[in-house]
């Protein structure tokens, strides 16, 4: 009898943003800030963070993905964790107003704009 093979994360869906992976990475390399605009469902929230993760950006620090509404953020983070095959709250986590499901391992963090502003250290 053979032992079952380890479960593998599901293959991420191919979304429109994936076609622009090299362009996006080049823009990130060349600019301190970039703005990505795309249709709903194009992969901005789920795929962009995974592209940067695959390219090694999480070795330098965490990737923050902002969502205007907390409920949309929860849906996106669940998708992101599933696609990477990791437990929610570890490598992929989230922070909303009164809830923080992150850990020392968190490298992709979904959060609301308000939480991002609270966490961002301001320089005078």
PDB file of N, CA and C in Angstrom:
ATOM      1  N   UNK A   1       0.843  -1.171   0.000  1.00  0.00           N
ATOM      2  CA  UNK A   1       0.000   0.000   0.000  1.00  0.00           C
ATOM      3  C   UNK A   1       0.895   1.242   0.000  1.00  0.00           C
ATOM      4  N   UNK A   2       0.592   2.177  -0.864  1.00  0.00           N
ATOM      5  CA  UNK A   2       1.380   3.413  -0.917  1.00  0.00           C
ATOM      6  C   UNK A   2       0.716   4.480  -0.081  1.00  0.00           C
ATOM      7  N   UNK A   3       1.542   5.340   0.469  1.00  0.00           N
ATOM      8  CA  UNK A   3       0.980   6.430   1.260  1.00  0.00           C
ATOM      9  C   UNK A   3       0.478   7.517   0.325  1.00  0.00           C
ATOM     10  N   UNK A   4      -0.551   8.243   0.752  1.00  0.00           N
ATOM     11  CA  UNK A   4      -1.090   9.299  -0.101  1.00  0.00           C
ATOM     12  C   UNK A   4      -0.055  10.396  -0.318  1.00  0.00           C
ATOM     13  N   UNK A   5      -0.099  10.983  -1.492  1.00  0.00           N
ATOM     14  CA  UNK A   5       0.834  12.076  -1.778  1.00  0.00           C
ATOM     15  C   UNK A   5       0.417  13.315  -1.010  1.00  0.00           C
ATOM     16  N   UNK A   6       1.382  14.157  -0.641  1.00  0.00           N
ATOM     17  CA  UNK A   6       1.036  15.364   0.097  1.00  0.00           C
ATOM     18  C   UNK A   6       0.120  16.235  -0.748  1.00  0.00           C
ATOM     19  N   UNK A   7      -0.813  16.892  -0.082  1.00  0.00           N
ATOM     20  CA  UNK A   7      -1.730  17.755  -0.836  1.00  0.00           C
ATOM     21  C   UNK A   7      -0.968  18.966  -1.356  1.00  0.00           C
ATOM     22  N   UNK A   8      -1.288  19.340  -2.560  1.00  0.00           N
ATOM     23  CA  UNK A   8      -0.642  20.480  -3.197  1.00  0.00           C
ATOM     24  C   UNK A   8      -1.642  21.603  -3.296  1.00  0.00           C
ATOM     25  N   UNK A   9      -1.179  22.831  -3.190  1.00  0.00           N
ATOM     26  CA  UNK A   9      -2.121  23.938  -3.307  1.00  0.00           C
ATOM     27  C   UNK A   9      -2.735  23.952  -4.692  1.00  0.00           C
ATOM     28  N   UNK A  10      -3.986  24.421  -4.787  1.00  0.00           N
ATOM     29  CA  UNK A  10      -4.600  24.499  -6.102  1.00  0.00           C
ATOM     30  C   UNK A  10      -3.836  25.475  -6.989  1.00  0.00           C
ATOM     31  N   UNK A  11      -3.847  25.222  -8.271  1.00  0.00           N
ATOM     32  CA  UNK A  11      -3.184  26.118  -9.209  1.00  0.00           C
ATOM     33  C   UNK A  11      -3.960  27.427  -9.260  1.00  0.00           C
ATOM     34  N   UNK A  12      -3.271  28.570  -9.085  1.00  0.00           N
ATOM     35  CA  UNK A  12      -3.985  29.840  -9.143  1.00  0.00           C
ATOM     36  C   UNK A  12      -4.633  30.021 -10.513  1.00  0.00           C
ATOM     37  N   UNK A  13      -5.817  30.639 -10.539  1.00  0.00           N
ATOM     38  CA  UNK A  13      -6.461  30.861 -11.822  1.00  0.00           C
ATOM     39  C   UNK A  13      -5.636  31.826 -12.672  1.00  0.00           C
ATOM     40  N   UNK A  14      -5.720  31.661 -13.974  1.00  0.00           N
ATOM     41  CA  UNK A  14      -5.038  32.581 -14.870  1.00  0.00           C
ATOM     42  C   UNK A  14      -5.977  33.768 -15.075  1.00  0.00           C
ATOM     43  N   UNK A  15      -5.588  34.891 -14.540  1.00  0.00           N
ATOM     44  CA  UNK A  15      -6.402  36.101 -14.627  1.00  0.00           C
ATOM     45  C   UNK A  15      -5.672  37.131 -15.474  1.00  0.00           C
ATOM     46  N   UNK A  16      -6.394  38.142 -15.975  1.00  0.00           N
ATOM     47  CA  UNK A  16      -5.782  39.120 -16.881  1.00  0.00           C
ATOM     48  C   UNK A  16      -4.482  39.741 -16.379  1.00  0.00           C
ATOM     49  N   UNK A  17      -4.354  39.974 -15.078  1.00  0.00           N
ATOM     50  CA  UNK A  17      -3.145  40.620 -14.564  1.00  0.00           C
ATOM     51  C   UNK A  17      -1.907  39.747 -14.791  1.00  0.00           C
ATOM     52  N   UNK A  18      -2.095  38.430 -14.856  1.00  0.00           N
ATOM     53  CA  UNK A  18      -0.972  37.514 -15.053  1.00  0.00           C
ATOM     54  C   UNK A  18      -0.243  37.761 -16.366  1.00  0.00           C
ATOM     55  N   UNK A  19      -0.964  38.241 -17.365  1.00  0.00           N
ATOM     56  CA  UNK A  19      -0.356  38.530 -18.667  1.00  0.00           C
ATOM     57  C   UNK A  19       0.665  39.669 -18.581  1.00  0.00           C
ATOM     58  N   UNK A  20       0.577  40.464 -17.530  1.00  0.00           N
ATOM     59  CA  UNK A  20       1.426  41.648 -17.385  1.00  0.00           C
ATOM     60  C   UNK A  20       2.467  41.498 -16.275  1.00  0.00           C
ATOM     61  N   UNK A  21       2.742  40.266 -15.857  1.00  0.00           N
ATOM     62  CA  UNK A  21       3.644  40.020 -14.736  1.00  0.00           C
ATOM     63  C   UNK A  21       5.000  40.698 -14.922  1.00  0.00           C
ATOM     64  N   UNK A  22       5.636  40.510 -16.058  1.00  0.00           N
ATOM     65  CA  UNK A  22       6.967  41.091 -16.269  1.00  0.00           C
ATOM     66  C   UNK A  22       6.926  42.616 -16.251  1.00  0.00           C
ATOM     67  N   UNK A  23       5.891  43.213 -16.851  1.00  0.00           N
ATOM     68  CA  UNK A  23       5.735  44.675 -16.846  1.00  0.00           C
ATOM     69  C   UNK A  23       5.579  45.205 -15.422  1.00  0.00           C
ATOM     70  N   UNK A  24       4.764  44.509 -14.636  1.00  0.00           N
ATOM     71  CA  UNK A  24       4.501  44.939 -13.265  1.00  0.00           C
ATOM     72  C   UNK A  24       5.770  44.866 -12.431  1.00  0.00           C
ATOM     73  N   UNK A  25       6.499  43.774 -12.540  1.00  0.00           N
ATOM     74  CA  UNK A  25       7.733  43.621 -11.776  1.00  0.00           C
ATOM     75  C   UNK A  25       8.746  44.686 -12.198  1.00  0.00           C
ATOM     76  N   UNK A  26       8.832  44.972 -13.494  1.00  0.00           N
ATOM     77  CA  UNK A  26       9.745  46.028 -13.964  1.00  0.00           C
ATOM     78  C   UNK A  26       9.344  47.381 -13.393  1.00  0.00           C
ATOM     79  N   UNK A  27       8.047  47.655 -13.321  1.00  0.00           N
ATOM     80  CA  UNK A  27       7.570  48.924 -12.758  1.00  0.00           C
ATOM     81  C   UNK A  27       7.894  49.013 -11.270  1.00  0.00           C
ATOM     82  N   UNK A  28       7.740  47.905 -10.551  1.00  0.00           N
ATOM     83  CA  UNK A  28       8.061  47.882  -9.118  1.00  0.00           C
ATOM     84  C   UNK A  28       9.552  48.122  -8.913  1.00  0.00           C
ATOM     85  N   UNK A  29      10.371  47.511  -9.743  1.00  0.00           N
ATOM     86  CA  UNK A  29      11.820  47.693  -9.647  1.00  0.00           C
ATOM     87  C   UNK A  29      12.227  49.141  -9.907  1.00  0.00           C
ATOM     88  N   UNK A  30      11.531  49.814 -10.819  1.00  0.00           N
ATOM     89  CA  UNK A  30      11.931  51.150 -11.265  1.00  0.00           C
ATOM     90  C   UNK A  30      11.312  52.292 -10.468  1.00  0.00           C
ATOM     91  N   UNK A  31      10.284  52.007  -9.656  1.00  0.00           N
ATOM     92  CA  UNK A  31       9.550  53.089  -8.996  1.00  0.00           C
ATOM     93  C   UNK A  31       9.288  52.775  -7.532  1.00  0.00           C
ATOM     94  N   UNK A  32       9.325  53.800  -6.668  1.00  0.00           N
ATOM     95  CA  UNK A  32       9.033  53.553  -5.258  1.00  0.00           C
ATOM     96  C   UNK A  32       7.545  53.281  -5.003  1.00  0.00           C
ATOM     97  N   UNK A  33       6.667  53.775  -5.881  1.00  0.00           N
ATOM     98  CA  UNK A  33       5.223  53.590  -5.754  1.00  0.00           C
ATOM     99  C   UNK A  33       4.661  53.324  -7.140  1.00  0.00           C
ATOM    100  N   UNK A  34       3.779  52.346  -7.236  1.00  0.00           N
ATOM    101  CA  UNK A  34       3.063  52.142  -8.490  1.00  0.00           C
ATOM    102  C   UNK A  34       1.578  52.015  -8.181  1.00  0.00           C
ATOM    103  N   UNK A  35       0.744  52.349  -9.140  1.00  0.00           N
ATOM    104  CA  UNK A  35      -0.704  52.207  -9.023  1.00  0.00           C
ATOM    105  C   UNK A  35      -1.126  51.253 -10.132  1.00  0.00           C
ATOM    106  N   UNK A  36      -1.824  50.199  -9.758  1.00  0.00           N
ATOM    107  CA  UNK A  36      -2.306  49.223 -10.725  1.00  0.00           C
ATOM    108  C   UNK A  36      -3.819  49.380 -10.823  1.00  0.00           C
ATOM    109  N   UNK A  37      -4.288  49.634 -12.022  1.00  0.00           N
ATOM    110  CA  UNK A  37      -5.718  49.814 -12.262  1.00  0.00           C
ATOM    111  C   UNK A  37      -6.176  48.690 -13.177  1.00  0.00           C
ATOM    112  N   UNK A  38      -7.258  48.052 -12.824  1.00  0.00           N
ATOM    113  CA  UNK A  38      -7.791  46.977 -13.654  1.00  0.00           C
ATOM    114  C   UNK A  38      -9.233  46.696 -13.303  1.00  0.00           C
ATOM    115  N   UNK A  39      -9.875  45.948 -14.168  1.00  0.00           N
ATOM    116  CA  UNK A  39     -11.275  45.581 -13.969  1.00  0.00           C
ATOM    117  C   UNK A  39     -11.446  44.724 -12.715  1.00  0.00           C
ATOM    118  N   UNK A  40     -12.636  44.727 -12.164  1.00  0.00           N
ATOM    119  CA  UNK A  40     -12.979  43.821 -11.080  1.00  0.00           C
ATOM    120  C   UNK A  40     -12.769  42.395 -11.566  1.00  0.00           C
ATOM    121  N   UNK A  41     -12.106  41.584 -10.757  1.00  0.00           N
ATOM    122  CA  UNK A  41     -11.866  40.196 -11.121  1.00  0.00           C
ATOM    123  C   UNK A  41     -10.631  39.974 -11.965  1.00  0.00           C
ATOM    124  N   UNK A  42      -9.836  41.033 -12.164  1.00  0.00           N
ATOM    125  CA  UNK A  42      -8.646  40.889 -13.012  1.00  0.00           C
ATOM    126  C   UNK A  42      -7.452  40.291 -12.270  1.00  0.00           C
ATOM    127  N   UNK A  43      -7.536  40.197 -10.930  1.00  0.00           N
ATOM    128  CA  UNK A  43      -6.453  39.602 -10.156  1.00  0.00           C
ATOM    129  C   UNK A  43      -5.597  40.593  -9.400  1.00  0.00           C
ATOM    130  N   UNK A  44      -6.040  41.847  -9.322  1.00  0.00           N
ATOM    131  CA  UNK A  44      -5.232  42.857  -8.627  1.00  0.00           C
ATOM    132  C   UNK A  44      -4.967  42.462  -7.174  1.00  0.00           C
ATOM    133  N   UNK A  45      -5.972  42.041  -6.471  1.00  0.00           N
ATOM    134  CA  UNK A  45      -5.813  41.727  -5.046  1.00  0.00           C
ATOM    135  C   UNK A  45      -5.154  40.395  -4.786  1.00  0.00           C
ATOM    136  N   UNK A  46      -5.536  39.371  -5.527  1.00  0.00           N
ATOM    137  CA  UNK A  46      -5.005  38.043  -5.222  1.00  0.00           C
ATOM    138  C   UNK A  46      -3.723  37.733  -5.978  1.00  0.00           C
ATOM    139  N   UNK A  47      -3.662  38.050  -7.251  1.00  0.00           N
ATOM    140  CA  UNK A  47      -2.526  37.648  -8.066  1.00  0.00           C
ATOM    141  C   UNK A  47      -1.313  38.565  -7.934  1.00  0.00           C
ATOM    142  N   UNK A  48      -1.538  39.867  -7.793  1.00  0.00           N
ATOM    143  CA  UNK A  48      -0.416  40.803  -7.704  1.00  0.00           C
ATOM    144  C   UNK A  48       0.482  40.480  -6.515  1.00  0.00           C
ATOM    145  N   UNK A  49      -0.124  40.222  -5.365  1.00  0.00           N
ATOM    146  CA  UNK A  49       0.687  39.884  -4.189  1.00  0.00           C
ATOM    147  C   UNK A  49       1.439  38.573  -4.394  1.00  0.00           C
ATOM    148  N   UNK A  50       0.822  37.625  -5.074  1.00  0.00           N
ATOM    149  CA  UNK A  50       1.495  36.350  -5.327  1.00  0.00           C
ATOM    150  C   UNK A  50       2.632  36.496  -6.338  1.00  0.00           C
ATOM    151  N   UNK A  51       2.445  37.364  -7.318  1.00  0.00           N
ATOM    152  CA  UNK A  51       3.524  37.642  -8.279  1.00  0.00           C
ATOM    153  C   UNK A  51       4.745  38.171  -7.530  1.00  0.00           C
ATOM    154  N   UNK A  52       4.525  39.158  -6.664  1.00  0.00           N
ATOM    155  CA  UNK A  52       5.634  39.751  -5.916  1.00  0.00           C
ATOM    156  C   UNK A  52       6.242  38.742  -4.941  1.00  0.00           C
ATOM    157  N   UNK A  53       5.405  37.913  -4.350  1.00  0.00           N
ATOM    158  CA  UNK A  53       5.902  36.863  -3.445  1.00  0.00           C
ATOM    159  C   UNK A  53       6.802  35.888  -4.214  1.00  0.00           C
ATOM    160  N   UNK A  54       6.347  35.433  -5.375  1.00  0.00           N
ATOM    161  CA  UNK A  54       7.152  34.508  -6.191  1.00  0.00           C
ATOM    162  C   UNK A  54       8.475  35.134  -6.608  1.00  0.00           C
ATOM    163  N   UNK A  55       8.485  36.447  -6.824  1.00  0.00           N
ATOM    164  CA  UNK A  55       9.694  37.134  -7.269  1.00  0.00           C
ATOM    165  C   UNK A  55      10.606  37.520  -6.102  1.00  0.00           C
ATOM    166  N   UNK A  56      10.259  37.104  -4.884  1.00  0.00           N
ATOM    167  CA  UNK A  56      11.151  37.285  -3.746  1.00  0.00           C
ATOM    168  C   UNK A  56      10.964  38.542  -2.921  1.00  0.00           C
ATOM    169  N   UNK A  57       9.944  39.327  -3.201  1.00  0.00           N
ATOM    170  CA  UNK A  57       9.764  40.570  -2.453  1.00  0.00           C
ATOM    171  C   UNK A  57       9.409  40.354  -0.989  1.00  0.00           C
ATOM    172  N   UNK A  58       8.863  39.201  -0.635  1.00  0.00           N
ATOM    173  CA  UNK A  58       8.534  38.963   0.770  1.00  0.00           C
ATOM    174  C   UNK A  58       9.773  38.641   1.597  1.00  0.00           C
ATOM    175  N   UNK A  59      10.917  38.436   0.950  1.00  0.00           N
ATOM    176  CA  UNK A  59      12.162  38.276   1.717  1.00  0.00           C
ATOM    177  C   UNK A  59      12.608  39.608   2.295  1.00  0.00           C
ATOM    178  N   UNK A  60      12.174  40.705   1.694  1.00  0.00           N
ATOM    179  CA  UNK A  60      12.547  42.049   2.158  1.00  0.00           C
ATOM    180  C   UNK A  60      11.568  42.613   3.173  1.00  0.00           C
ATOM    181  N   UNK A  61      10.370  42.052   3.232  1.00  0.00           N
ATOM    182  CA  UNK A  61       9.336  42.555   4.124  1.00  0.00           C
ATOM    183  C   UNK A  61       7.984  42.050   3.667  1.00  0.00           C
ATOM    184  N   UNK A  62       6.954  42.453   4.358  1.00  0.00           N
ATOM    185  CA  UNK A  62       5.611  42.002   4.026  1.00  0.00           C
ATOM    186  C   UNK A  62       5.020  42.822   2.885  1.00  0.00           C
ATOM    187  N   UNK A  63       4.096  42.210   2.177  1.00  0.00           N
ATOM    188  CA  UNK A  63       3.341  42.886   1.126  1.00  0.00           C
ATOM    189  C   UNK A  63       1.982  43.214   1.719  1.00  0.00           C
ATOM    190  N   UNK A  64       1.571  44.466   1.643  1.00  0.00           N
ATOM    191  CA  UNK A  64       0.270  44.895   2.135  1.00  0.00           C
ATOM    192  C   UNK A  64      -0.678  45.044   0.962  1.00  0.00           C
ATOM    193  N   UNK A  65      -1.867  44.451   1.087  1.00  0.00           N
ATOM    194  CA  UNK A  65      -2.911  44.553   0.071  1.00  0.00           C
ATOM    195  C   UNK A  65      -4.100  45.221   0.747  1.00  0.00           C
ATOM    196  N   UNK A  66      -4.436  46.427   0.302  1.00  0.00           N
ATOM    197  CA  UNK A  66      -5.531  47.143   0.952  1.00  0.00           C
ATOM    198  C   UNK A  66      -6.858  46.855   0.271  1.00  0.00           C
ATOM    199  N   UNK A  67      -7.896  46.827   1.087  1.00  0.00           N
ATOM    200  CA  UNK A  67      -9.276  46.656   0.643  1.00  0.00           C
ATOM    201  C   UNK A  67     -10.100  47.729   1.345  1.00  0.00           C
ATOM    202  N   UNK A  68     -10.971  48.379   0.604  1.00  0.00           N
ATOM    203  CA  UNK A  68     -11.784  49.441   1.195  1.00  0.00           C
ATOM    204  C   UNK A  68     -12.771  48.899   2.216  1.00  0.00           C
ATOM    205  N   UNK A  69     -13.335  47.732   1.952  1.00  0.00           N
ATOM    206  CA  UNK A  69     -14.329  47.157   2.857  1.00  0.00           C
ATOM    207  C   UNK A  69     -13.778  45.876   3.481  1.00  0.00           C
ATOM    208  N   UNK A  70     -13.904  45.738   4.805  1.00  0.00           N
ATOM    209  CA  UNK A  70     -13.369  44.560   5.480  1.00  0.00           C
ATOM    210  C   UNK A  70     -13.906  43.238   4.948  1.00  0.00           C
ATOM    211  N   UNK A  71     -15.182  43.164   4.569  1.00  0.00           N
ATOM    212  CA  UNK A  71     -15.726  41.886   4.111  1.00  0.00           C
ATOM    213  C   UNK A  71     -15.084  41.458   2.795  1.00  0.00           C
ATOM    214  N   UNK A  72     -14.793  42.392   1.899  1.00  0.00           N
ATOM    215  CA  UNK A  72     -14.110  42.037   0.655  1.00  0.00           C
ATOM    216  C   UNK A  72     -12.696  41.573   0.948  1.00  0.00           C
ATOM    217  N   UNK A  73     -12.057  42.194   1.927  1.00  0.00           N
ATOM    218  CA  UNK A  73     -10.706  41.787   2.296  1.00  0.00           C
ATOM    219  C   UNK A  73     -10.654  40.357   2.772  1.00  0.00           C
ATOM    220  N   UNK A  74     -11.641  39.931   3.546  1.00  0.00           N
ATOM    221  CA  UNK A  74     -11.667  38.547   4.045  1.00  0.00           C
ATOM    222  C   UNK A  74     -11.800  37.559   2.901  1.00  0.00           C
ATOM    223  N   UNK A  75     -12.629  37.877   1.928  1.00  0.00           N
ATOM    224  CA  UNK A  75     -12.797  36.988   0.777  1.00  0.00           C
ATOM    225  C   UNK A  75     -11.479  36.884   0.024  1.00  0.00           C
ATOM    226  N   UNK A  76     -10.811  38.006  -0.222  1.00  0.00           N
ATOM    227  CA  UNK A  76      -9.551  38.005  -0.967  1.00  0.00           C
ATOM    228  C   UNK A  76      -8.470  37.244  -0.224  1.00  0.00           C
ATOM    229  N   UNK A  77      -8.385  37.428   1.078  1.00  0.00           N
ATOM    230  CA  UNK A  77      -7.327  36.749   1.813  1.00  0.00           C
ATOM    231  C   UNK A  77      -7.549  35.260   1.865  1.00  0.00           C
ATOM    232  N   UNK A  78      -8.796  34.817   1.942  1.00  0.00           N
ATOM    233  CA  UNK A  78      -9.062  33.384   1.907  1.00  0.00           C
ATOM    234  C   UNK A  78      -8.619  32.802   0.568  1.00  0.00           C
ATOM    235  N   UNK A  79      -8.913  33.523  -0.527  1.00  0.00           N
ATOM    236  CA  UNK A  79      -8.475  33.073  -1.843  1.00  0.00           C
ATOM    237  C   UNK A  79      -6.951  33.029  -1.912  1.00  0.00           C
ATOM    238  N   UNK A  80      -6.307  34.076  -1.412  1.00  0.00           N
ATOM    239  CA  UNK A  80      -4.850  34.140  -1.447  1.00  0.00           C
ATOM    240  C   UNK A  80      -4.198  33.018  -0.666  1.00  0.00           C
ATOM    241  N   UNK A  81      -4.704  32.734   0.518  1.00  0.00           N
ATOM    242  CA  UNK A  81      -4.153  31.652   1.342  1.00  0.00           C
ATOM    243  C   UNK A  81      -4.358  30.303   0.664  1.00  0.00           C
ATOM    244  N   UNK A  82      -5.552  30.087   0.108  1.00  0.00           N
ATOM    245  CA  UNK A  82      -5.826  28.818  -0.574  1.00  0.00           C
ATOM    246  C   UNK A  82      -4.903  28.629  -1.770  1.00  0.00           C
ATOM    247  N   UNK A  83      -4.732  29.685  -2.565  1.00  0.00           N
ATOM    248  CA  UNK A  83      -3.908  29.576  -3.764  1.00  0.00           C
ATOM    249  C   UNK A  83      -2.444  29.314  -3.426  1.00  0.00           C
ATOM    250  N   UNK A  84      -1.969  29.817  -2.289  1.00  0.00           N
ATOM    251  CA  UNK A  84      -0.593  29.548  -1.869  1.00  0.00           C
ATOM    252  C   UNK A  84      -0.484  28.255  -1.065  1.00  0.00           C
ATOM    253  N   UNK A  85      -1.628  27.685  -0.689  1.00  0.00           N
ATOM    254  CA  UNK A  85      -1.627  26.438   0.068  1.00  0.00           C
ATOM    255  C   UNK A  85      -1.104  26.603   1.479  1.00  0.00           C
ATOM    256  N   UNK A  86      -1.426  27.726   2.118  1.00  0.00           N
ATOM    257  CA  UNK A  86      -0.946  27.985   3.478  1.00  0.00           C
ATOM    258  C   UNK A  86      -2.135  28.262   4.398  1.00  0.00           C
ATOM    259  N   UNK A  87      -1.961  28.020   5.700  1.00  0.00           N
ATOM    260  CA  UNK A  87      -3.039  28.298   6.643  1.00  0.00           C
ATOM    261  C   UNK A  87      -3.277  29.811   6.787  1.00  0.00           C
ATOM    262  N   UNK A  88      -4.529  30.193   6.876  1.00  0.00           N
ATOM    263  CA  UNK A  88      -4.890  31.586   7.084  1.00  0.00           C
ATOM    264  C   UNK A  88      -4.373  32.058   8.436  1.00  0.00           C
ATOM    265  N   UNK A  89      -3.726  33.210   8.444  1.00  0.00           N
ATOM    266  CA  UNK A  89      -3.189  33.760   9.678  1.00  0.00           C
ATOM    267  C   UNK A  89      -1.703  33.491   9.845  1.00  0.00           C
ATOM    268  N   UNK A  90      -1.149  32.693   8.974  1.00  0.00           N
ATOM    269  CA  UNK A  90       0.290  32.460   9.040  1.00  0.00           C
ATOM    270  C   UNK A  90       0.965  33.260   7.927  1.00  0.00           C
ATOM    271  N   UNK A  91       1.339  32.636   6.813  1.00  0.00           N
ATOM    272  CA  UNK A  91       2.006  33.384   5.738  1.00  0.00           C
ATOM    273  C   UNK A  91       1.096  34.437   5.108  1.00  0.00           C
ATOM    274  N   UNK A  92      -0.199  34.149   5.068  1.00  0.00           N
ATOM    275  CA  UNK A  92      -1.194  35.100   4.570  1.00  0.00           C
ATOM    276  C   UNK A  92      -2.110  35.436   5.731  1.00  0.00           C
ATOM    277  N   UNK A  93      -2.215  36.724   6.055  1.00  0.00           N
ATOM    278  CA  UNK A  93      -3.042  37.143   7.173  1.00  0.00           C
ATOM    279  C   UNK A  93      -3.799  38.406   6.863  1.00  0.00           C
ATOM    280  N   UNK A  94      -4.555  38.863   7.849  1.00  0.00           N
ATOM    281  CA  UNK A  94      -5.319  40.085   7.652  1.00  0.00           C
ATOM    282  C   UNK A  94      -5.465  40.864   8.950  1.00  0.00           C
ATOM    283  N   UNK A  95      -5.738  42.147   8.785  1.00  0.00           N
ATOM    284  CA  UNK A  95      -6.016  43.015   9.927  1.00  0.00           C
ATOM    285  C   UNK A  95      -7.137  43.957   9.529  1.00  0.00           C
ATOM    286  N   UNK A  96      -8.187  43.950  10.337  1.00  0.00           N
ATOM    287  CA  UNK A  96      -9.269  44.908  10.173  1.00  0.00           C
ATOM    288  C   UNK A  96      -9.428  45.624  11.500  1.00  0.00           C
ATOM    289  N   UNK A  97     -10.377  46.486  11.612  1.00  0.00           N
ATOM    290  CA  UNK A  97     -10.477  47.402  12.746  1.00  0.00           C
ATOM    291  C   UNK A  97     -10.169  46.780  14.110  1.00  0.00           C
ATOM    292  N   UNK A  98     -10.877  45.746  14.514  1.00  0.00           N
ATOM    293  CA  UNK A  98     -10.666  45.162  15.841  1.00  0.00           C
ATOM    294  C   UNK A  98     -10.194  43.708  15.784  1.00  0.00           C
ATOM    295  N   UNK A  99      -9.666  43.304  14.654  1.00  0.00           N
ATOM    296  CA  UNK A  99      -9.257  41.902  14.500  1.00  0.00           C
ATOM    297  C   UNK A  99      -7.940  41.839  13.728  1.00  0.00           C
ATOM    298  N   UNK A 100      -7.015  41.048  14.250  1.00  0.00           N
ATOM    299  CA  UNK A 100      -5.710  40.891  13.601  1.00  0.00           C
ATOM    300  C   UNK A 100      -5.368  39.416  13.551  1.00  0.00           C
ATOM    301  N   UNK A 101      -5.404  38.838  12.354  1.00  0.00           N
ATOM    302  CA  UNK A 101      -5.037  37.425  12.179  1.00  0.00           C
ATOM    303  C   UNK A 101      -3.745  37.372  11.383  1.00  0.00           C
ATOM    304  N   UNK A 102      -2.672  37.759  12.025  1.00  0.00           N
ATOM    305  CA  UNK A 102      -1.352  37.690  11.427  1.00  0.00           C
ATOM    306  C   UNK A 102      -0.421  37.033  12.431  1.00  0.00           C
ATOM    307  N   UNK A 103       0.774  36.703  11.975  1.00  0.00           N
ATOM    308  CA  UNK A 103       1.776  36.110  12.857  1.00  0.00           C
ATOM    309  C   UNK A 103       3.143  36.616  12.427  1.00  0.00           C
ATOM    310  N   UNK A 104       4.166  36.159  13.101  1.00  0.00           N
ATOM    311  CA  UNK A 104       5.532  36.514  12.708  1.00  0.00           C
ATOM    312  C   UNK A 104       5.855  36.002  11.306  1.00  0.00           C
ATOM    313  N   UNK A 105       5.141  34.969  10.856  1.00  0.00           N
ATOM    314  CA  UNK A 105       5.366  34.386   9.539  1.00  0.00           C
ATOM    315  C   UNK A 105       4.667  35.152   8.407  1.00  0.00           C
ATOM    316  N   UNK A 106       3.763  36.062   8.746  1.00  0.00           N
ATOM    317  CA  UNK A 106       2.941  36.715   7.721  1.00  0.00           C
ATOM    318  C   UNK A 106       3.805  37.509   6.749  1.00  0.00           C
ATOM    319  N   UNK A 107       3.670  37.162   5.469  1.00  0.00           N
ATOM    320  CA  UNK A 107       4.403  37.883   4.432  1.00  0.00           C
ATOM    321  C   UNK A 107       3.473  38.591   3.459  1.00  0.00           C
ATOM    322  N   UNK A 108       2.203  38.198   3.414  1.00  0.00           N
ATOM    323  CA  UNK A 108       1.189  38.903   2.622  1.00  0.00           C
ATOM    324  C   UNK A 108       0.053  39.239   3.578  1.00  0.00           C
ATOM    325  N   UNK A 109      -0.195  40.536   3.725  1.00  0.00           N
ATOM    326  CA  UNK A 109      -1.176  40.992   4.704  1.00  0.00           C
ATOM    327  C   UNK A 109      -2.253  41.821   4.019  1.00  0.00           C
ATOM    328  N   UNK A 110      -3.494  41.368   4.147  1.00  0.00           N
ATOM    329  CA  UNK A 110      -4.654  42.095   3.634  1.00  0.00           C
ATOM    330  C   UNK A 110      -5.174  42.965   4.770  1.00  0.00           C
ATOM    331  N   UNK A 111      -5.441  44.228   4.476  1.00  0.00           N
ATOM    332  CA  UNK A 111      -5.890  45.139   5.510  1.00  0.00           C
ATOM    333  C   UNK A 111      -6.699  46.272   4.900  1.00  0.00           C
ATOM    334  N   UNK A 112      -7.447  46.943   5.753  1.00  0.00           N
ATOM    335  CA  UNK A 112      -8.213  48.094   5.289  1.00  0.00           C
ATOM    336  C   UNK A 112      -7.295  49.313   5.207  1.00  0.00           C
ATOM    337  N   UNK A 113      -7.744  50.310   4.479  1.00  0.00           N
ATOM    338  CA  UNK A 113      -6.959  51.539   4.360  1.00  0.00           C
ATOM    339  C   UNK A 113      -6.698  52.158   5.726  1.00  0.00           C
ATOM    340  N   UNK A 114      -7.710  52.135   6.596  1.00  0.00           N
ATOM    341  CA  UNK A 114      -7.563  52.725   7.925  1.00  0.00           C
ATOM    342  C   UNK A 114      -6.498  52.029   8.752  1.00  0.00           C
ATOM    343  N   UNK A 115      -6.453  50.702   8.703  1.00  0.00           N
ATOM    344  CA  UNK A 115      -5.434  49.950   9.445  1.00  0.00           C
ATOM    345  C   UNK A 115      -4.055  50.267   8.880  1.00  0.00           C
ATOM    346  N   UNK A 116      -3.938  50.356   7.568  1.00  0.00           N
ATOM    347  CA  UNK A 116      -2.650  50.690   6.960  1.00  0.00           C
ATOM    348  C   UNK A 116      -2.166  52.049   7.454  1.00  0.00           C
ATOM    349  N   UNK A 117      -3.049  53.021   7.495  1.00  0.00           N
ATOM    350  CA  UNK A 117      -2.658  54.353   7.959  1.00  0.00           C
ATOM    351  C   UNK A 117      -2.253  54.338   9.427  1.00  0.00           C
ATOM    352  N   UNK A 118      -2.930  53.524  10.251  1.00  0.00           N
ATOM    353  CA  UNK A 118      -2.559  53.423  11.670  1.00  0.00           C
ATOM    354  C   UNK A 118      -1.207  52.757  11.850  1.00  0.00           C
ATOM    355  N   UNK A 119      -0.898  51.769  11.013  1.00  0.00           N
ATOM    356  CA  UNK A 119       0.352  51.032  11.160  1.00  0.00           C
ATOM    357  C   UNK A 119       1.540  51.741  10.566  1.00  0.00           C
ATOM    358  N   UNK A 120       1.327  52.576   9.600  1.00  0.00           N
ATOM    359  CA  UNK A 120       2.408  53.254   8.887  1.00  0.00           C
ATOM    360  C   UNK A 120       3.076  54.257   9.801  1.00  0.00           C
ATOM    361  N   UNK A 121       4.374  54.105  10.034  1.00  0.00           N
ATOM    362  CA  UNK A 121       5.058  55.100  10.862  1.00  0.00           C
ATOM    363  C   UNK A 121       5.178  56.423  10.090  1.00  0.00           C
ATOM    364  N   UNK A 122       4.754  57.492  10.727  1.00  0.00           N
ATOM    365  CA  UNK A 122       4.817  58.804  10.083  1.00  0.00           C
ATOM    366  C   UNK A 122       6.096  59.510  10.460  1.00  0.00           C
ATOM    367  N   UNK A 123       6.688  60.165   9.485  1.00  0.00           N
ATOM    368  CA  UNK A 123       7.908  60.919   9.723  1.00  0.00           C
ATOM    369  C   UNK A 123       7.562  62.390   9.716  1.00  0.00           C
ATOM    370  N   UNK A 124       8.157  63.137  10.628  1.00  0.00           N
ATOM    371  CA  UNK A 124       7.865  64.574  10.664  1.00  0.00           C
ATOM    372  C   UNK A 124       8.884  65.352   9.871  1.00  0.00           C
TER     373      UNK A 124
END
